[in-house]
Each structure stands twice: as structure tokens, then as C-alpha cells.
Amino acid sequence: MKIYSVYDAEFAPYGRVIPDLDTAELLSTLKEVSPAPEDAVIYIPSDASLEALPIFRQFRDGVYGGMPVQIGYCNGTNHTMNALEYHRGCEINVATTDIILLLALQSDMDENFMLDSSCVKAFKVPAGVSVIVYETALHYAPVGDGFRCIVVLPRDTNTDLPEPTERPCREDLLLYARNKWLIAHPASPEANNGAFVGITGENLKA
């Protein structure tokens, strides 16, 4: 598949580059505190050592306008889409190495929350570049080898769901974790784990 850059005009509907963040200390700390598996992907929603850094206040008070946020990470090796998710609130990614983000738009889904994988586009994020992924963009684990990627989100996103009271909306079928709506490809581990199967077509690789 064609791989665009986050500096290309095609990225505009999905997010934008944040040019004025100094992430050097953040990324060096990430290397110290987290492994990068060669055969798996790990995700930690919130890491105390990352949130103790001065840049945490920039994310909370500046980028998110004073909202409670968390800094975690997604590390490892991945080459397959498998699933796509979205949140109520944007996501910031900063990686120690070049990564590729596979992205689609919520508007690409039909009324039954189904999406054809031909709608997905690939975008390269250069090492150290900060990108904000809009809440209207579907995304998932980065693609790359041995990557370490900072993930900033509204506080408690991707943690365990609370006990349900009522969930009358059809969209509730997609809830996979707190503030995490997910659609899976039928050939994915997520589908085998009970996720809503909402991706048709090829399970993309990059």
C-alpha cells in the first residue's frame, strides 16, 4: 500500500504535526523504563515516570486545555492492522523510531459500524515527531520493528470498563475498554477475544 508522510496534505483529515514540543527527555526516559519486544506489542496506558516529567504539564495544560491526561506507551513490533479504534478526545503519538500509522475516518464506517479496509491509509511518522490524531480518526497500534511510542490520551482511556448500567446505543457494541470503541478484522486476535467484527476486506500489512 502507498505510504504517505504526516507532512503530506493527505494527513490533514486525520491529524496534524505538533512542531513546538521538546520531547527529547520524554523519549530518552521511555527507552529507560520500557522494553520493545521483537515479536509482540505491549501497551501501558499510564506510566508514573513519564508523567513526572515537565512535559506532562505541557500536554495537560496546553495541548489538552487543562483536561486530565495520561502518558503511556505502545512498544514492540507489528506489521498487521488487525483492528481500529477511536476515543472521545484526541491522541498524541511520539515515537523513538520511524513508525507507520494506519488510519481511517469514523465517517468511512457505514450505519452498522462496518468499514472496508480499502478506506485505510498509511502515514509515516519520523522518529521524534509529535502528531495529534483527531478523535474522528480510527487508528491502532503503530507499524514498525522494535518501536517505542509515547501515547497521550484523556485520563483513564483504555483502562477497564466500569460495570454497565444501561448501554442502549448500537455503538455500545464497539466498547472494548474505557473510552475505547473498537472494530476488528475477522482474522484478528481481537475478534477471537470477543471484539466487534467491523472490518471487511484485507487485513492490511505494512
Protein backbone atom coordinates (compact mmCIF):
# COMPACT_ATOMS: atom_id res chain seq x y z
CA MET A 1 0.00 0.00 0.00
CA LYS A 2 1.10 3.58 -0.55
CA ILE A 3 2.72 5.21 2.47
CA TYR A 4 2.20 8.95 2.90
CA SER A 5 4.05 11.26 5.26
CA VAL A 6 2.37 13.11 8.12
CA TYR A 7 3.74 16.21 6.38
CA ASP A 8 1.64 15.46 3.27
CA ALA A 9 -1.69 17.21 2.69
CA GLU A 10 -3.43 13.82 2.84
CA PHE A 11 -2.83 13.72 6.61
CA ALA A 12 -4.96 16.81 7.30
CA PRO A 13 -8.31 15.00 7.84
CA TYR A 14 -6.71 12.63 10.37
CA GLY A 15 -4.48 14.88 12.47
CA ARG A 16 -1.58 17.29 12.42
CA VAL A 17 2.05 17.60 13.43
CA ILE A 18 2.79 19.47 16.67
CA PRO A 19 6.06 21.26 15.86
CA ASP A 20 6.83 23.05 19.13
CA LEU A 21 7.22 20.28 21.72
CA ASP A 22 10.66 19.32 23.07
CA THR A 23 10.29 15.57 23.52
CA ALA A 24 13.98 14.62 23.94
CA GLU A 25 13.75 13.92 27.69
CA LEU A 26 10.44 12.14 27.25
CA LEU A 27 11.82 9.75 24.63
CA SER A 28 15.07 9.12 26.50
CA THR A 29 13.08 8.24 29.62
CA LEU A 30 10.83 5.96 27.59
CA LYS A 31 13.89 3.98 26.45
CA GLU A 32 14.98 3.56 30.07
CA VAL A 33 11.66 2.41 31.52
CA SER A 34 10.13 0.22 28.81
CA PRO A 35 11.03 -2.83 26.70
CA ALA A 36 10.39 -3.10 22.96
CA PRO A 37 9.57 -6.74 22.15
CA GLU A 38 10.66 -8.16 18.82
CA ASP A 39 7.63 -10.46 18.49
CA ALA A 40 4.75 -8.70 20.25
CA VAL A 41 3.17 -5.34 21.10
CA ILE A 42 2.72 -4.09 24.66
CA TYR A 43 0.60 -1.15 25.76
CA ILE A 44 0.65 0.66 29.11
CA PRO A 45 -1.97 3.45 29.43
CA SER A 46 -0.21 5.41 32.20
CA ASP A 47 3.40 5.43 33.41
CA ALA A 48 4.36 7.38 36.53
CA SER A 49 7.95 8.06 35.44
CA LEU A 50 6.78 9.63 32.18
CA GLU A 51 4.07 11.65 33.90
CA ALA A 52 6.65 13.02 36.37
CA LEU A 53 8.46 14.86 33.57
CA PRO A 54 7.87 18.61 32.99
CA ILE A 55 6.35 17.96 29.56
CA PHE A 56 3.36 16.35 31.27
CA ARG A 57 2.16 19.82 32.25
CA GLN A 58 2.51 20.99 28.63
CA PHE A 59 0.26 18.17 27.46
CA ARG A 60 -2.27 18.70 30.25
CA ASP A 61 -2.41 22.48 30.42
CA GLY A 62 -1.58 23.36 26.83
CA VAL A 63 -2.40 20.71 24.24
CA TYR A 64 -5.45 19.41 26.15
CA GLY A 65 -6.50 22.79 27.57
CA GLY A 66 -6.40 21.79 31.24
CA MET A 67 -8.08 18.39 30.93
CA PRO A 68 -6.82 15.40 32.97
CA VAL A 69 -4.47 13.34 30.77
CA GLN A 70 -2.21 10.31 30.95
CA ILE A 71 1.12 9.47 29.34
CA GLY A 72 1.69 5.84 28.46
CA TYR A 73 3.38 3.89 25.71
CA CYS A 74 2.88 1.32 22.97
CA ASN A 75 6.03 -0.67 22.19
CA GLY A 76 7.07 -3.64 20.11
CA THR A 77 6.99 -5.00 16.59
CA ASN A 78 3.89 -5.03 14.42
CA HIS A 79 3.11 -5.28 10.72
CA THR A 80 -0.63 -6.03 10.62
CA MET A 81 -3.67 -3.78 11.07
CA ASN A 82 -5.93 -6.32 12.92
CA ALA A 83 -8.27 -3.66 14.35
CA LEU A 84 -9.06 0.04 14.50
CA GLU A 85 -10.25 2.13 17.45
CA TYR A 86 -11.35 5.65 18.34
CA HIS A 87 -11.80 7.69 21.51
CA ARG A 88 -13.71 10.72 22.77
CA GLY A 89 -10.73 13.04 22.65
CA CYS A 90 -7.58 13.22 20.54
CA GLU A 91 -4.45 11.08 20.90
CA ILE A 92 -0.82 12.21 20.73
CA ASN A 93 1.90 9.89 19.44
CA VAL A 94 5.67 10.43 19.63
CA ALA A 95 7.99 7.56 18.62
CA THR A 96 11.67 6.83 19.22
CA THR A 97 11.97 5.37 15.70
CA ASP A 98 10.13 5.89 12.43
CA ILE A 99 6.65 4.34 12.61
CA ILE A 100 3.65 3.98 10.32
CA LEU A 101 0.11 4.76 11.43
CA LEU A 102 -2.79 3.03 9.68
CA LEU A 103 -5.74 5.45 9.75
CA ALA A 104 -9.34 5.73 8.61
CA LEU A 105 -12.18 8.11 9.46
CA GLN A 106 -15.29 7.47 11.52
CA SER A 107 -17.23 8.78 8.53
CA ASP A 108 -15.82 5.86 6.49
CA MET A 109 -17.94 3.47 8.58
CA ASP A 110 -21.48 2.73 7.45
CA GLU A 111 -24.57 2.93 9.67
CA ASN A 112 -23.77 -0.53 11.06
CA PHE A 113 -20.21 0.48 12.02
CA MET A 114 -18.70 -1.57 9.21
CA LEU A 115 -15.61 -0.37 7.36
CA ASP A 116 -13.89 -1.67 4.25
CA SER A 117 -10.13 -1.84 4.72
CA SER A 118 -9.65 -0.11 1.35
CA CYS A 119 -10.53 3.12 3.21
CA VAL A 120 -7.42 2.83 5.38
CA LYS A 121 -4.37 4.97 4.59
CA ALA A 122 -0.80 4.61 5.86
CA PHE A 123 1.23 7.56 7.20
CA LYS A 124 4.89 7.58 8.17
CA VAL A 125 5.76 9.44 11.39
CA PRO A 126 9.51 10.23 11.55
CA ALA A 127 11.35 9.50 14.79
CA GLY A 128 10.82 12.19 17.41
CA VAL A 129 7.96 13.92 15.58
CA SER A 130 4.84 14.62 17.66
CA VAL A 131 1.48 14.08 15.97
CA ILE A 132 -2.03 14.64 17.24
CA VAL A 133 -4.58 12.14 15.91
CA TYR A 134 -8.07 13.61 15.92
CA GLU A 135 -10.88 11.82 17.75
CA THR A 136 -12.65 11.36 14.40
CA ALA A 137 -9.76 9.21 13.15
CA LEU A 138 -9.67 5.45 13.54
CA HIS A 139 -6.22 4.16 14.49
CA TYR A 140 -4.49 1.33 16.35
CA ALA A 141 -1.03 0.03 17.18
CA PRO A 142 1.79 1.55 15.10
CA VAL A 143 3.52 -0.49 12.42
CA GLY A 144 7.27 -0.97 12.68
CA ASP A 145 10.11 -3.02 14.14
CA GLY A 146 11.21 -2.57 17.73
CA PHE A 147 9.44 0.76 18.17
CA ARG A 148 8.74 2.66 21.37
CA CYS A 149 5.87 5.10 21.03
CA ILE A 150 4.56 7.62 23.55
CA VAL A 151 0.75 7.67 23.76
CA VAL A 152 -1.01 10.63 25.40
CA LEU A 153 -4.77 10.41 25.97
CA PRO A 154 -7.52 11.73 28.26
CA ARG A 155 -7.09 10.22 31.74
CA ASP A 156 -8.38 6.62 32.22
CA THR A 157 -8.70 5.90 28.49
CA ASN A 158 -8.03 2.23 27.64
CA THR A 159 -8.49 1.09 31.24
CA ASP A 160 -11.09 -1.43 32.40
CA LEU A 161 -14.71 -0.59 31.66
CA PRO A 162 -16.95 0.15 34.65
CA GLU A 163 -19.80 -2.24 35.35
CA PRO A 164 -22.56 -1.48 32.85
CA THR A 165 -25.84 0.05 33.94
CA GLU A 166 -27.60 0.63 30.66
CA ARG A 167 -26.00 0.66 27.23
CA PRO A 168 -28.90 1.16 24.83
CA CYS A 169 -26.95 2.61 21.90
CA ARG A 170 -25.89 0.43 18.96
CA GLU A 171 -22.43 1.97 19.23
CA ASP A 172 -22.11 0.32 22.65
CA LEU A 173 -21.38 -2.94 20.81
CA LEU A 174 -17.98 -1.46 19.93
CA LEU A 175 -16.93 -0.68 23.52
CA TYR A 176 -13.78 -2.67 24.24
CA ALA A 177 -12.34 -0.67 27.16
CA ARG A 178 -12.98 2.66 28.85
CA ASN A 179 -13.25 5.39 26.20
CA LYS A 180 -12.27 2.84 23.54
CA TRP A 181 -14.59 1.93 20.67
CA LEU A 182 -13.02 -0.80 18.51
CA ILE A 183 -13.78 -2.64 15.29
CA ALA A 184 -11.80 -5.77 14.47
CA HIS A 185 -10.92 -7.72 11.36
CA PRO A 186 -12.36 -11.26 11.49
CA ALA A 187 -8.85 -12.75 11.22
CA SER A 188 -7.52 -10.76 14.20
CA PRO A 189 -6.73 -11.81 17.78
CA GLU A 190 -9.13 -9.08 18.92
CA ALA A 191 -12.02 -10.78 17.09
CA ASN A 192 -11.10 -14.05 18.76
CA ASN A 193 -11.25 -12.18 22.07
CA GLY A 194 -14.83 -11.06 21.50
CA ALA A 195 -14.33 -7.69 19.82
CA PHE A 196 -16.94 -6.35 17.41
CA VAL A 197 -16.10 -7.58 13.90
CA GLY A 198 -16.44 -4.48 11.78
CA ILE A 199 -13.64 -4.54 9.18
CA THR A 200 -14.16 -6.17 5.80
CA GLY A 201 -11.61 -6.73 3.06
CA GLU A 202 -7.90 -7.40 3.52
CA ASN A 203 -6.25 -7.41 6.94
CA LEU A 204 -3.67 -4.86 5.82
CA LYS A 205 0.06 -5.30 6.31
CA ALA A 206 2.78 -2.65 6.06
